[in-house]
Amino acid sequence: MTAELPDVTLPEGEHCHTGHTLCMPEDSRKRAARRLAIARGHLDSIRRSLEDPDVYCVDVLRQIKAVQGALDGAAGVILRGHLEAHVATAATRGDEAEIVDELMEIFKYV
């Protein structure tokens, strides 16, 4: 059974595999954006809590860990979109070497 790749609709004249575009389904973009909004909310909370002289260090560390989790989740959504839209189709386009180099660069950061 072969997994079906998501439908990625771009404006007319734009193609997912020409240049470096964020080529992913709209629902994935929304999920990534939601996770980033959660991270921002946690960061704002951390900044406010640091103004409180009675803040407990462990509580701040928990909040920081929550931010890291939200960022990791957003990165995972975007990475999956990249794998589905670009990597899975590299052989068809003939740019496997470029994609492998790109992935090696990505893995420095994830």
PDB file of N, CA and C in Angstrom:
ATOM      1  N   MET A   1       0.847  -1.176   0.000  1.00  0.00           N
ATOM      2  CA  MET A   1       0.000   0.000   0.000  1.00  0.00           C
ATOM      3  C   MET A   1       0.893   1.240   0.000  1.00  0.00           C
ATOM      4  N   THR A   2       0.681   2.131  -0.924  1.00  0.00           N
ATOM      5  CA  THR A   2       1.480   3.343  -1.055  1.00  0.00           C
ATOM      6  C   THR A   2       0.727   4.505  -0.439  1.00  0.00           C
ATOM      7  N   ALA A   3       1.425   5.273   0.395  1.00  0.00           N
ATOM      8  CA  ALA A   3       0.809   6.447   1.005  1.00  0.00           C
ATOM      9  C   ALA A   3       0.633   7.517  -0.052  1.00  0.00           C
ATOM     10  N   GLU A   4      -0.508   8.154  -0.024  1.00  0.00           N
ATOM     11  CA  GLU A   4      -0.777   9.215  -0.989  1.00  0.00           C
ATOM     12  C   GLU A   4      -0.160  10.510  -0.491  1.00  0.00           C
ATOM     13  N   LEU A   5       0.537  11.207  -1.377  1.00  0.00           N
ATOM     14  CA  LEU A   5       1.133  12.474  -1.007  1.00  0.00           C
ATOM     15  C   LEU A   5       0.043  13.528  -0.909  1.00  0.00           C
ATOM     16  N   PRO A   6       0.218  14.502  -0.017  1.00  0.00           N
ATOM     17  CA  PRO A   6      -0.799  15.532   0.157  1.00  0.00           C
ATOM     18  C   PRO A   6      -0.915  16.405  -1.078  1.00  0.00           C
ATOM     19  N   ASP A   7      -2.112  16.952  -1.275  1.00  0.00           N
ATOM     20  CA  ASP A   7      -2.343  17.881  -2.367  1.00  0.00           C
ATOM     21  C   ASP A   7      -1.805  19.244  -1.943  1.00  0.00           C
ATOM     22  N   VAL A   8      -0.856  19.745  -2.694  1.00  0.00           N
ATOM     23  CA  VAL A   8      -0.270  21.041  -2.399  1.00  0.00           C
ATOM     24  C   VAL A   8      -0.662  21.980  -3.530  1.00  0.00           C
ATOM     25  N   THR A   9      -1.537  22.924  -3.231  1.00  0.00           N
ATOM     26  CA  THR A   9      -2.021  23.855  -4.236  1.00  0.00           C
ATOM     27  C   THR A   9      -1.285  25.173  -4.097  1.00  0.00           C
ATOM     28  N   LEU A  10      -0.614  25.571  -5.162  1.00  0.00           N
ATOM     29  CA  LEU A  10       0.120  26.827  -5.190  1.00  0.00           C
ATOM     30  C   LEU A  10      -0.528  27.763  -6.193  1.00  0.00           C
ATOM     31  N   PRO A  11      -0.243  29.069  -6.073  1.00  0.00           N
ATOM     32  CA  PRO A  11      -0.779  30.017  -7.052  1.00  0.00           C
ATOM     33  C   PRO A  11      -0.346  29.637  -8.463  1.00  0.00           C
ATOM     34  N   GLU A  12      -1.187  29.998  -9.436  1.00  0.00           N
ATOM     35  CA  GLU A  12      -0.896  29.669 -10.826  1.00  0.00           C
ATOM     36  C   GLU A  12       0.474  30.187 -11.230  1.00  0.00           C
ATOM     37  N   GLY A  13       1.223  29.357 -11.919  1.00  0.00           N
ATOM     38  CA  GLY A  13       2.552  29.726 -12.363  1.00  0.00           C
ATOM     39  C   GLY A  13       3.650  29.321 -11.397  1.00  0.00           C
ATOM     40  N   GLU A  14       3.296  28.995 -10.150  1.00  0.00           N
ATOM     41  CA  GLU A  14       4.291  28.558  -9.184  1.00  0.00           C
ATOM     42  C   GLU A  14       4.289  27.037  -9.125  1.00  0.00           C
ATOM     43  N   HIS A  15       5.464  26.481  -9.018  1.00  0.00           N
ATOM     44  CA  HIS A  15       5.594  25.040  -8.905  1.00  0.00           C
ATOM     45  C   HIS A  15       6.357  24.725  -7.641  1.00  0.00           C
ATOM     46  N   CYS A  16       5.950  23.679  -6.995  1.00  0.00           N
ATOM     47  CA  CYS A  16       6.507  23.306  -5.711  1.00  0.00           C
ATOM     48  C   CYS A  16       7.999  23.025  -5.795  1.00  0.00           C
ATOM     49  N   HIS A  17       8.476  22.531  -6.888  1.00  0.00           N
ATOM     50  CA  HIS A  17       9.846  22.063  -6.964  1.00  0.00           C
ATOM     51  C   HIS A  17      10.750  22.982  -7.764  1.00  0.00           C
ATOM     52  N   THR A  18      10.327  24.213  -7.966  1.00  0.00           N
ATOM     53  CA  THR A  18      11.205  25.178  -8.621  1.00  0.00           C
ATOM     54  C   THR A  18      11.590  26.202  -7.577  1.00  0.00           C
ATOM     55  N   GLY A  19      12.835  26.233  -7.243  1.00  0.00           N
ATOM     56  CA  GLY A  19      13.294  27.155  -6.216  1.00  0.00           C
ATOM     57  C   GLY A  19      13.041  26.581  -4.835  1.00  0.00           C
ATOM     58  N   HIS A  20      13.208  27.405  -3.853  1.00  0.00           N
ATOM     59  CA  HIS A  20      13.058  26.979  -2.470  1.00  0.00           C
ATOM     60  C   HIS A  20      11.812  27.627  -1.894  1.00  0.00           C
ATOM     61  N   THR A  21      10.709  26.907  -1.940  1.00  0.00           N
ATOM     62  CA  THR A  21       9.451  27.418  -1.421  1.00  0.00           C
ATOM     63  C   THR A  21       8.983  26.542  -0.278  1.00  0.00           C
ATOM     64  N   LEU A  22       8.177  27.112   0.607  1.00  0.00           N
ATOM     65  CA  LEU A  22       7.554  26.346   1.676  1.00  0.00           C
ATOM     66  C   LEU A  22       6.361  25.644   1.051  1.00  0.00           C
ATOM     67  N   CYS A  23       6.606  24.455   0.590  1.00  0.00           N
ATOM     68  CA  CYS A  23       5.639  23.709  -0.199  1.00  0.00           C
ATOM     69  C   CYS A  23       5.006  22.645   0.689  1.00  0.00           C
ATOM     70  N   MET A  24       3.896  23.004   1.292  1.00  0.00           N
ATOM     71  CA  MET A  24       3.227  22.052   2.161  1.00  0.00           C
ATOM     72  C   MET A  24       1.732  22.351   2.179  1.00  0.00           C
ATOM     73  N   PRO A  25       0.945  21.351   2.521  1.00  0.00           N
ATOM     74  CA  PRO A  25      -0.502  21.568   2.557  1.00  0.00           C
ATOM     75  C   PRO A  25      -0.888  22.648   3.567  1.00  0.00           C
ATOM     76  N   GLU A  26      -1.989  23.294   3.314  1.00  0.00           N
ATOM     77  CA  GLU A  26      -2.469  24.377   4.173  1.00  0.00           C
ATOM     78  C   GLU A  26      -2.686  23.908   5.613  1.00  0.00           C
ATOM     79  N   ASP A  27      -3.201  22.702   5.798  1.00  0.00           N
ATOM     80  CA  ASP A  27      -3.428  22.227   7.165  1.00  0.00           C
ATOM     81  C   ASP A  27      -2.105  22.061   7.914  1.00  0.00           C
ATOM     82  N   SER A  28      -1.050  21.672   7.224  1.00  0.00           N
ATOM     83  CA  SER A  28       0.264  21.556   7.862  1.00  0.00           C
ATOM     84  C   SER A  28       0.796  22.935   8.238  1.00  0.00           C
ATOM     85  N   ARG A  29       0.600  23.901   7.361  1.00  0.00           N
ATOM     86  CA  ARG A  29       1.024  25.272   7.675  1.00  0.00           C
ATOM     87  C   ARG A  29       0.307  25.768   8.925  1.00  0.00           C
ATOM     88  N   LYS A  30      -0.993  25.480   9.002  1.00  0.00           N
ATOM     89  CA  LYS A  30      -1.781  25.926  10.155  1.00  0.00           C
ATOM     90  C   LYS A  30      -1.314  25.237  11.437  1.00  0.00           C
ATOM     91  N   ARG A  31      -1.004  23.937  11.348  1.00  0.00           N
ATOM     92  CA  ARG A  31      -0.522  23.215  12.529  1.00  0.00           C
ATOM     93  C   ARG A  31       0.815  23.777  13.000  1.00  0.00           C
ATOM     94  N   ALA A  32       1.713  24.053  12.056  1.00  0.00           N
ATOM     95  CA  ALA A  32       3.017  24.623  12.417  1.00  0.00           C
ATOM     96  C   ALA A  32       2.832  26.008  13.036  1.00  0.00           C
ATOM     97  N   ALA A  33       1.983  26.822  12.437  1.00  0.00           N
ATOM     98  CA  ALA A  33       1.741  28.170  12.953  1.00  0.00           C
ATOM     99  C   ALA A  33       1.130  28.118  14.353  1.00  0.00           C
ATOM    100  N   ARG A  34       0.252  27.152  14.576  1.00  0.00           N
ATOM    101  CA  ARG A  34      -0.363  27.002  15.907  1.00  0.00           C
ATOM    102  C   ARG A  34       0.692  26.644  16.942  1.00  0.00           C
ATOM    103  N   ARG A  35       1.571  25.738  16.605  1.00  0.00           N
ATOM    104  CA  ARG A  35       2.630  25.348  17.542  1.00  0.00           C
ATOM    105  C   ARG A  35       3.558  26.527  17.836  1.00  0.00           C
ATOM    106  N   LEU A  36       3.823  27.342  16.839  1.00  0.00           N
ATOM    107  CA  LEU A  36       4.663  28.523  17.055  1.00  0.00           C
ATOM    108  C   LEU A  36       3.949  29.553  17.925  1.00  0.00           C
ATOM    109  N   ALA A  37       2.640  29.671  17.758  1.00  0.00           N
ATOM    110  CA  ALA A  37       1.872  30.583  18.608  1.00  0.00           C
ATOM    111  C   ALA A  37       1.889  30.103  20.058  1.00  0.00           C
ATOM    112  N   ILE A  38       1.818  28.797  20.251  1.00  0.00           N
ATOM    113  CA  ILE A  38       1.910  28.237  21.600  1.00  0.00           C
ATOM    114  C   ILE A  38       3.281  28.564  22.201  1.00  0.00           C
ATOM    115  N   ALA A  39       4.325  28.397  21.414  1.00  0.00           N
ATOM    116  CA  ALA A  39       5.678  28.702  21.884  1.00  0.00           C
ATOM    117  C   ALA A  39       5.781  30.173  22.277  1.00  0.00           C
ATOM    118  N   ARG A  40       5.221  31.052  21.448  1.00  0.00           N
ATOM    119  CA  ARG A  40       5.259  32.483  21.751  1.00  0.00           C
ATOM    120  C   ARG A  40       4.535  32.775  23.063  1.00  0.00           C
ATOM    121  N   GLY A  41       3.397  32.141  23.263  1.00  0.00           N
ATOM    122  CA  GLY A  41       2.658  32.340  24.510  1.00  0.00           C
ATOM    123  C   GLY A  41       3.468  31.900  25.723  1.00  0.00           C
ATOM    124  N   HIS A  42       4.122  30.760  25.597  1.00  0.00           N
ATOM    125  CA  HIS A  42       4.977  30.296  26.699  1.00  0.00           C
ATOM    126  C   HIS A  42       6.143  31.254  26.934  1.00  0.00           C
ATOM    127  N   LEU A  43       6.760  31.736  25.858  1.00  0.00           N
ATOM    128  CA  LEU A  43       7.875  32.678  26.003  1.00  0.00           C
ATOM    129  C   LEU A  43       7.436  33.960  26.713  1.00  0.00           C
ATOM    130  N   ASP A  44       6.273  34.465  26.335  1.00  0.00           N
ATOM    131  CA  ASP A  44       5.754  35.666  26.990  1.00  0.00           C
ATOM    132  C   ASP A  44       5.535  35.409  28.481  1.00  0.00           C
ATOM    133  N   SER A  45       5.020  34.235  28.789  1.00  0.00           N
ATOM    134  CA  SER A  45       4.794  33.865  30.187  1.00  0.00           C
ATOM    135  C   SER A  45       6.113  33.771  30.956  1.00  0.00           C
ATOM    136  N   ILE A  46       7.125  33.220  30.320  1.00  0.00           N
ATOM    137  CA  ILE A  46       8.437  33.110  30.962  1.00  0.00           C
ATOM    138  C   ILE A  46       9.001  34.501  31.243  1.00  0.00           C
ATOM    139  N   ARG A  47       8.926  35.366  30.268  1.00  0.00           N
ATOM    140  CA  ARG A  47       9.444  36.731  30.459  1.00  0.00           C
ATOM    141  C   ARG A  47       8.737  37.435  31.607  1.00  0.00           C
ATOM    142  N   ARG A  48       7.412  37.293  31.665  1.00  0.00           N
ATOM    143  CA  ARG A  48       6.657  37.923  32.761  1.00  0.00           C
ATOM    144  C   ARG A  48       7.039  37.309  34.100  1.00  0.00           C
ATOM    145  N   SER A  49       7.193  35.994  34.132  1.00  0.00           N
ATOM    146  CA  SER A  49       7.498  35.333  35.408  1.00  0.00           C
ATOM    147  C   SER A  49       8.869  35.736  35.940  1.00  0.00           C
ATOM    148  N   LEU A  50       9.793  36.045  35.043  1.00  0.00           N
ATOM    149  CA  LEU A  50      11.130  36.443  35.488  1.00  0.00           C
ATOM    150  C   LEU A  50      11.136  37.817  36.163  1.00  0.00           C
ATOM    151  N   GLU A  51      10.071  38.562  35.984  1.00  0.00           N
ATOM    152  CA  GLU A  51       9.939  39.846  36.672  1.00  0.00           C
ATOM    153  C   GLU A  51       9.474  39.666  38.107  1.00  0.00           C
ATOM    154  N   ASP A  52       8.998  38.476  38.431  1.00  0.00           N
ATOM    155  CA  ASP A  52       8.523  38.156  39.775  1.00  0.00           C
ATOM    156  C   ASP A  52       9.692  37.648  40.613  1.00  0.00           C
ATOM    157  N   PRO A  53      10.041  38.370  41.671  1.00  0.00           N
ATOM    158  CA  PRO A  53      11.189  37.944  42.485  1.00  0.00           C
ATOM    159  C   PRO A  53      10.957  36.604  43.191  1.00  0.00           C
ATOM    160  N   ASP A  54       9.708  36.182  43.269  1.00  0.00           N
ATOM    161  CA  ASP A  54       9.401  34.933  43.964  1.00  0.00           C
ATOM    162  C   ASP A  54       9.249  33.743  43.021  1.00  0.00           C
ATOM    163  N   VAL A  55       9.537  33.932  41.744  1.00  0.00           N
ATOM    164  CA  VAL A  55       9.374  32.841  40.787  1.00  0.00           C
ATOM    165  C   VAL A  55      10.325  31.701  41.153  1.00  0.00           C
ATOM    166  N   TYR A  56       9.817  30.496  41.006  1.00  0.00           N
ATOM    167  CA  TYR A  56      10.612  29.312  41.339  1.00  0.00           C
ATOM    168  C   TYR A  56      11.337  28.841  40.077  1.00  0.00           C
ATOM    169  N   CYS A  57      12.631  28.625  40.179  1.00  0.00           N
ATOM    170  CA  CYS A  57      13.472  28.270  39.033  1.00  0.00           C
ATOM    171  C   CYS A  57      12.936  27.065  38.263  1.00  0.00           C
ATOM    172  N   VAL A  58      12.474  26.064  38.981  1.00  0.00           N
ATOM    173  CA  VAL A  58      11.987  24.846  38.332  1.00  0.00           C
ATOM    174  C   VAL A  58      10.762  25.150  37.473  1.00  0.00           C
ATOM    175  N   ASP A  59       9.917  26.074  37.926  1.00  0.00           N
ATOM    176  CA  ASP A  59       8.754  26.459  37.117  1.00  0.00           C
ATOM    177  C   ASP A  59       9.192  27.110  35.811  1.00  0.00           C
ATOM    178  N   VAL A  60      10.220  27.945  35.880  1.00  0.00           N
ATOM    179  CA  VAL A  60      10.742  28.590  34.676  1.00  0.00           C
ATOM    180  C   VAL A  60      11.322  27.533  33.737  1.00  0.00           C
ATOM    181  N   LEU A  61      12.064  26.597  34.285  1.00  0.00           N
ATOM    182  CA  LEU A  61      12.645  25.532  33.460  1.00  0.00           C
ATOM    183  C   LEU A  61      11.561  24.691  32.789  1.00  0.00           C
ATOM    184  N   ARG A  62      10.476  24.432  33.479  1.00  0.00           N
ATOM    185  CA  ARG A  62       9.359  23.686  32.871  1.00  0.00           C
ATOM    186  C   ARG A  62       8.771  24.458  31.698  1.00  0.00           C
ATOM    187  N   GLN A  63       8.616  25.757  31.889  1.00  0.00           N
ATOM    188  CA  GLN A  63       8.083  26.599  30.810  1.00  0.00           C
ATOM    189  C   GLN A  63       9.032  26.601  29.610  1.00  0.00           C
ATOM    190  N   ILE A  64      10.319  26.673  29.870  1.00  0.00           N
ATOM    191  CA  ILE A  64      11.299  26.638  28.779  1.00  0.00           C
ATOM    192  C   ILE A  64      11.212  25.316  28.038  1.00  0.00           C
ATOM    193  N   LYS A  65      11.050  24.232  28.768  1.00  0.00           N
ATOM    194  CA  LYS A  65      10.914  22.917  28.140  1.00  0.00           C
ATOM    195  C   LYS A  65       9.643  22.863  27.278  1.00  0.00           C
ATOM    196  N   ALA A  66       8.586  23.499  27.717  1.00  0.00           N
ATOM    197  CA  ALA A  66       7.349  23.550  26.929  1.00  0.00           C
ATOM    198  C   ALA A  66       7.573  24.303  25.622  1.00  0.00           C
ATOM    199  N   VAL A  67       8.339  25.387  25.674  1.00  0.00           N
ATOM    200  CA  VAL A  67       8.664  26.141  24.456  1.00  0.00           C
ATOM    201  C   VAL A  67       9.458  25.261  23.502  1.00  0.00           C
ATOM    202  N   GLN A  68      10.445  24.568  24.034  1.00  0.00           N
ATOM    203  CA  GLN A  68      11.250  23.682  23.191  1.00  0.00           C
ATOM    204  C   GLN A  68      10.381  22.609  22.547  1.00  0.00           C
ATOM    205  N   GLY A  69       9.434  22.069  23.290  1.00  0.00           N
ATOM    206  CA  GLY A  69       8.529  21.062  22.738  1.00  0.00           C
ATOM    207  C   GLY A  69       7.666  21.619  21.614  1.00  0.00           C
ATOM    208  N   ALA A  70       7.151  22.835  21.808  1.00  0.00           N
ATOM    209  CA  ALA A  70       6.325  23.459  20.776  1.00  0.00           C
ATOM    210  C   ALA A  70       7.148  23.740  19.517  1.00  0.00           C
ATOM    211  N   LEU A  71       8.388  24.200  19.702  1.00  0.00           N
ATOM    212  CA  LEU A  71       9.259  24.454  18.556  1.00  0.00           C
ATOM    213  C   LEU A  71       9.615  23.151  17.840  1.00  0.00           C
ATOM    214  N   ASP A  72       9.904  22.109  18.606  1.00  0.00           N
ATOM    215  CA  ASP A  72      10.197  20.803  18.001  1.00  0.00           C
ATOM    216  C   ASP A  72       9.000  20.286  17.216  1.00  0.00           C
ATOM    217  N   GLY A  73       7.799  20.500  17.760  1.00  0.00           N
ATOM    218  CA  GLY A  73       6.599  20.075  17.050  1.00  0.00           C
ATOM    219  C   GLY A  73       6.423  20.811  15.731  1.00  0.00           C
ATOM    220  N   ALA A  74       6.650  22.119  15.741  1.00  0.00           N
ATOM    221  CA  ALA A  74       6.551  22.909  14.509  1.00  0.00           C
ATOM    222  C   ALA A  74       7.597  22.444  13.500  1.00  0.00           C
ATOM    223  N   ALA A  75       8.812  22.210  13.975  1.00  0.00           N
ATOM    224  CA  ALA A  75       9.873  21.741  13.079  1.00  0.00           C
ATOM    225  C   ALA A  75       9.509  20.385  12.475  1.00  0.00           C
ATOM    226  N   GLY A  76       8.912  19.511  13.270  1.00  0.00           N
ATOM    227  CA  GLY A  76       8.503  18.203  12.763  1.00  0.00           C
ATOM    228  C   GLY A  76       7.457  18.301  11.669  1.00  0.00           C
ATOM    229  N   VAL A  77       6.498  19.180  11.848  1.00  0.00           N
ATOM    230  CA  VAL A  77       5.459  19.385  10.833  1.00  0.00           C
ATOM    231  C   VAL A  77       6.085  19.890   9.536  1.00  0.00           C
ATOM    232  N   ILE A  78       6.987  20.859   9.652  1.00  0.00           N
ATOM    233  CA  ILE A  78       7.620  21.425   8.462  1.00  0.00           C
ATOM    234  C   ILE A  78       8.548  20.412   7.801  1.00  0.00           C
ATOM    235  N   LEU A  79       9.285  19.653   8.611  1.00  0.00           N
ATOM    236  CA  LEU A  79      10.168  18.622   8.052  1.00  0.00           C
ATOM    237  C   LEU A  79       9.362  17.569   7.303  1.00  0.00           C
ATOM    238  N   ARG A  80       8.240  17.133   7.876  1.00  0.00           N
ATOM    239  CA  ARG A  80       7.396  16.148   7.190  1.00  0.00           C
ATOM    240  C   ARG A  80       6.915  16.705   5.851  1.00  0.00           C
ATOM    241  N   GLY A  81       6.503  17.956   5.833  1.00  0.00           N
ATOM    242  CA  GLY A  81       6.074  18.571   4.582  1.00  0.00           C
ATOM    243  C   GLY A  81       7.183  18.583   3.555  1.00  0.00           C
ATOM    244  N   HIS A  82       8.396  18.876   4.004  1.00  0.00           N
ATOM    245  CA  HIS A  82       9.545  18.893   3.093  1.00  0.00           C
ATOM    246  C   HIS A  82       9.814  17.490   2.559  1.00  0.00           C
ATOM    247  N   LEU A  83       9.778  16.513   3.436  1.00  0.00           N
ATOM    248  CA  LEU A  83      10.025  15.135   3.002  1.00  0.00           C
ATOM    249  C   LEU A  83       8.986  14.684   1.981  1.00  0.00           C
ATOM    250  N   GLU A  84       7.726  14.990   2.249  1.00  0.00           N
ATOM    251  CA  GLU A  84       6.661  14.565   1.346  1.00  0.00           C
ATOM    252  C   GLU A  84       6.697  15.313   0.021  1.00  0.00           C
ATOM    253  N   ALA A  85       6.944  16.608   0.066  1.00  0.00           N
ATOM    254  CA  ALA A  85       6.850  17.422  -1.146  1.00  0.00           C
ATOM    255  C   ALA A  85       8.128  17.447  -1.971  1.00  0.00           C
ATOM    256  N   HIS A  86       9.272  17.344  -1.329  1.00  0.00           N
ATOM    257  CA  HIS A  86      10.527  17.495  -2.053  1.00  0.00           C
ATOM    258  C   HIS A  86      11.341  16.204  -2.113  1.00  0.00           C
ATOM    259  N   VAL A  87      11.530  15.572  -0.960  1.00  0.00           N
ATOM    260  CA  VAL A  87      12.414  14.408  -0.917  1.00  0.00           C
ATOM    261  C   VAL A  87      11.795  13.213  -1.634  1.00  0.00           C
ATOM    262  N   ALA A  88      10.533  12.946  -1.388  1.00  0.00           N
ATOM    263  CA  ALA A  88       9.882  11.777  -1.981  1.00  0.00           C
ATOM    264  C   ALA A  88       9.810  11.862  -3.497  1.00  0.00           C
ATOM    265  N   THR A  89       9.950  13.044  -4.046  1.00  0.00           N
ATOM    266  CA  THR A  89       9.826  13.220  -5.493  1.00  0.00           C
ATOM    267  C   THR A  89      11.162  13.573  -6.161  1.00  0.00           C
ATOM    268  N   ALA A  90      12.253  13.542  -5.418  1.00  0.00           N
ATOM    269  CA  ALA A  90      13.557  13.948  -5.950  1.00  0.00           C
ATOM    270  C   ALA A  90      14.003  13.077  -7.117  1.00  0.00           C
ATOM    271  N   ALA A  91      13.792  11.772  -7.035  1.00  0.00           N
ATOM    272  CA  ALA A  91      14.235  10.876  -8.110  1.00  0.00           C
ATOM    273  C   ALA A  91      13.515  11.201  -9.418  1.00  0.00           C
ATOM    274  N   THR A  92      12.249  11.553  -9.319  1.00  0.00           N
ATOM    275  CA  THR A  92      11.473  11.906 -10.509  1.00  0.00           C
ATOM    276  C   THR A  92      12.043  13.150 -11.181  1.00  0.00           C
ATOM    277  N   ARG A  93      12.470  14.103 -10.366  1.00  0.00           N
ATOM    278  CA  ARG A  93      13.016  15.356 -10.896  1.00  0.00           C
ATOM    279  C   ARG A  93      14.483  15.236 -11.267  1.00  0.00           C
ATOM    280  N   GLY A  94      15.186  14.265 -10.681  1.00  0.00           N
ATOM    281  CA  GLY A  94      16.596  14.088 -10.957  1.00  0.00           C
ATOM    282  C   GLY A  94      17.510  14.964 -10.118  1.00  0.00           C
ATOM    283  N   ASP A  95      17.025  15.431  -8.980  1.00  0.00           N
ATOM    284  CA  ASP A  95      17.868  16.273  -8.131  1.00  0.00           C
ATOM    285  C   ASP A  95      18.174  15.613  -6.782  1.00  0.00           C
ATOM    286  N   GLU A  96      18.373  14.286  -6.833  1.00  0.00           N
ATOM    287  CA  GLU A  96      18.626  13.535  -5.604  1.00  0.00           C
ATOM    288  C   GLU A  96      19.847  14.039  -4.849  1.00  0.00           C
ATOM    289  N   ALA A  97      20.941  14.320  -5.553  1.00  0.00           N
ATOM    290  CA  ALA A  97      22.174  14.753  -4.891  1.00  0.00           C
ATOM    291  C   ALA A  97      21.965  16.069  -4.145  1.00  0.00           C
ATOM    292  N   GLU A  98      21.267  16.992  -4.776  1.00  0.00           N
ATOM    293  CA  GLU A  98      20.996  18.276  -4.126  1.00  0.00           C
ATOM    294  C   GLU A  98      20.136  18.079  -2.884  1.00  0.00           C
ATOM    295  N   ILE A  99      19.127  17.224  -2.990  1.00  0.00           N
ATOM    296  CA  ILE A  99      18.232  16.975  -1.865  1.00  0.00           C
ATOM    297  C   ILE A  99      18.984  16.299  -0.718  1.00  0.00           C
ATOM    298  N   VAL A 100      19.870  15.346  -1.037  1.00  0.00           N
ATOM    299  CA  VAL A 100      20.658  14.682   0.004  1.00  0.00           C
ATOM    300  C   VAL A 100      21.539  15.711   0.718  1.00  0.00           C
ATOM    301  N   ASP A 101      22.183  16.587  -0.031  1.00  0.00           N
ATOM    302  CA  ASP A 101      23.005  17.638   0.581  1.00  0.00           C
ATOM    303  C   ASP A 101      22.160  18.532   1.488  1.00  0.00           C
ATOM    304  N   GLU A 102      20.985  18.867   1.009  1.00  0.00           N
ATOM    305  CA  GLU A 102      20.081  19.701   1.781  1.00  0.00           C
ATOM    306  C   GLU A 102      19.685  19.013   3.085  1.00  0.00           C
ATOM    307  N   LEU A 103      19.372  17.716   2.994  1.00  0.00           N
ATOM    308  CA  LEU A 103      18.998  16.971   4.206  1.00  0.00           C
ATOM    309  C   LEU A 103      20.150  16.892   5.193  1.00  0.00           C
ATOM    310  N   MET A 104      21.352  16.710   4.704  1.00  0.00           N
ATOM    311  CA  MET A 104      22.507  16.661   5.595  1.00  0.00           C
ATOM    312  C   MET A 104      22.656  17.993   6.327  1.00  0.00           C
ATOM    313  N   GLU A 105      22.380  19.081   5.626  1.00  0.00           N
ATOM    314  CA  GLU A 105      22.430  20.401   6.263  1.00  0.00           C
ATOM    315  C   GLU A 105      21.317  20.539   7.313  1.00  0.00           C
ATOM    316  N   ILE A 106      20.126  20.081   6.983  1.00  0.00           N
ATOM    317  CA  ILE A 106      18.997  20.151   7.906  1.00  0.00           C
ATOM    318  C   ILE A 106      19.302  19.395   9.188  1.00  0.00           C
ATOM    319  N   PHE A 107      19.891  18.220   9.064  1.00  0.00           N
ATOM    320  CA  PHE A 107      20.123  17.375  10.237  1.00  0.00           C
ATOM    321  C   PHE A 107      21.169  17.948  11.189  1.00  0.00           C
ATOM    322  N   LYS A 108      21.861  18.983  10.780  1.00  0.00           N
ATOM    323  CA  LYS A 108      22.740  19.687  11.708  1.00  0.00           C
ATOM    324  C   LYS A 108      21.936  20.421  12.763  1.00  0.00           C
ATOM    325  N   TYR A 109      20.687  20.755  12.420  1.00  0.00           N
ATOM    326  CA  TYR A 109      19.878  21.610  13.266  1.00  0.00           C
ATOM    327  C   TYR A 109      18.731  20.900  13.973  1.00  0.00           C
ATOM    328  N   VAL A 110      18.410  19.683  13.570  1.00  0.00           N
ATOM    329  CA  VAL A 110      17.285  18.975  14.212  1.00  0.00           C
ATOM    330  C   VAL A 110      17.771  17.848  15.070  1.00  0.00           C
TER     331      VAL A 110
END
